[in-house]
Amino acid sequence: MMSIGLHGRIIGRPGRIGALGRLLEHMQRHEGVWLCNRAAIAQHWIVHHAKS
């Protein structure tokens, strides 16, 4: 798992937003990469690992 924290004043700089775009494109070119948010991770855990 890899988390990327983004702060508006930092990521909004032209050189950094371009790097983020290249990173996301690179990640999407690989099979099996799941780009998601915290809610999706929590829902996945509930469905697959939570005990009733």
Protein backbone atom coordinates (compact mmCIF):
# COMPACT_ATOMS: atom_id res chain seq x y z
CA MET A 1 0.00 0.00 0.00
CA MET A 2 1.22 3.46 -0.83
CA SER A 3 -0.40 6.65 0.41
CA ILE A 4 0.14 9.99 -1.27
CA GLY A 5 -0.73 12.99 0.88
CA LEU A 6 -1.52 16.12 -1.10
CA HIS A 7 -1.51 19.67 0.26
CA GLY A 8 -3.08 22.29 -1.98
CA ARG A 9 -0.30 24.87 -1.68
CA ILE A 10 2.41 22.31 -2.37
CA ILE A 11 0.90 20.09 -5.08
CA GLY A 12 -0.54 23.13 -6.88
CA ARG A 13 2.93 24.22 -8.02
CA PRO A 14 3.38 23.56 -11.77
CA GLY A 15 6.37 21.20 -11.49
CA ARG A 16 4.77 19.10 -8.79
CA ILE A 17 1.34 18.68 -10.35
CA GLY A 18 3.07 17.45 -13.52
CA ALA A 19 5.05 14.90 -11.53
CA LEU A 20 1.86 13.68 -9.87
CA GLY A 21 0.24 13.26 -13.28
CA ARG A 22 3.20 11.23 -14.54
CA LEU A 23 3.13 9.07 -11.40
CA LEU A 24 -0.58 8.30 -11.79
CA GLU A 25 -0.13 7.48 -15.49
CA HIS A 26 2.76 5.17 -14.65
CA MET A 27 0.73 3.39 -11.96
CA GLN A 28 -2.25 2.91 -14.25
CA ARG A 29 -0.08 1.22 -16.90
CA HIS A 30 0.53 -1.69 -14.53
CA GLU A 31 -1.99 -4.50 -14.16
CA GLY A 32 -3.44 -5.05 -10.70
CA VAL A 33 -2.93 -1.51 -9.39
CA TRP A 34 -5.96 -0.31 -7.46
CA LEU A 35 -6.30 3.48 -7.13
CA CYS A 36 -8.80 4.17 -4.38
CA ASN A 37 -9.67 6.35 -1.41
CA ARG A 38 -9.96 5.52 2.29
CA ALA A 39 -13.67 4.76 2.04
CA ALA A 40 -13.05 2.15 -0.67
CA ILE A 41 -10.33 0.49 1.42
CA ALA A 42 -12.64 0.37 4.44
CA GLN A 43 -15.48 -1.09 2.36
CA HIS A 44 -13.16 -3.72 0.90
CA TRP A 45 -12.02 -4.70 4.38
CA ILE A 46 -15.61 -4.97 5.64
CA VAL A 47 -16.64 -7.17 2.71
CA HIS A 48 -13.61 -9.47 2.81
CA HIS A 49 -12.36 -9.54 6.40
CA ALA A 50 -14.97 -8.35 8.90
CA LYS A 51 -16.53 -11.04 11.07
CA SER A 52 -20.25 -10.87 11.73
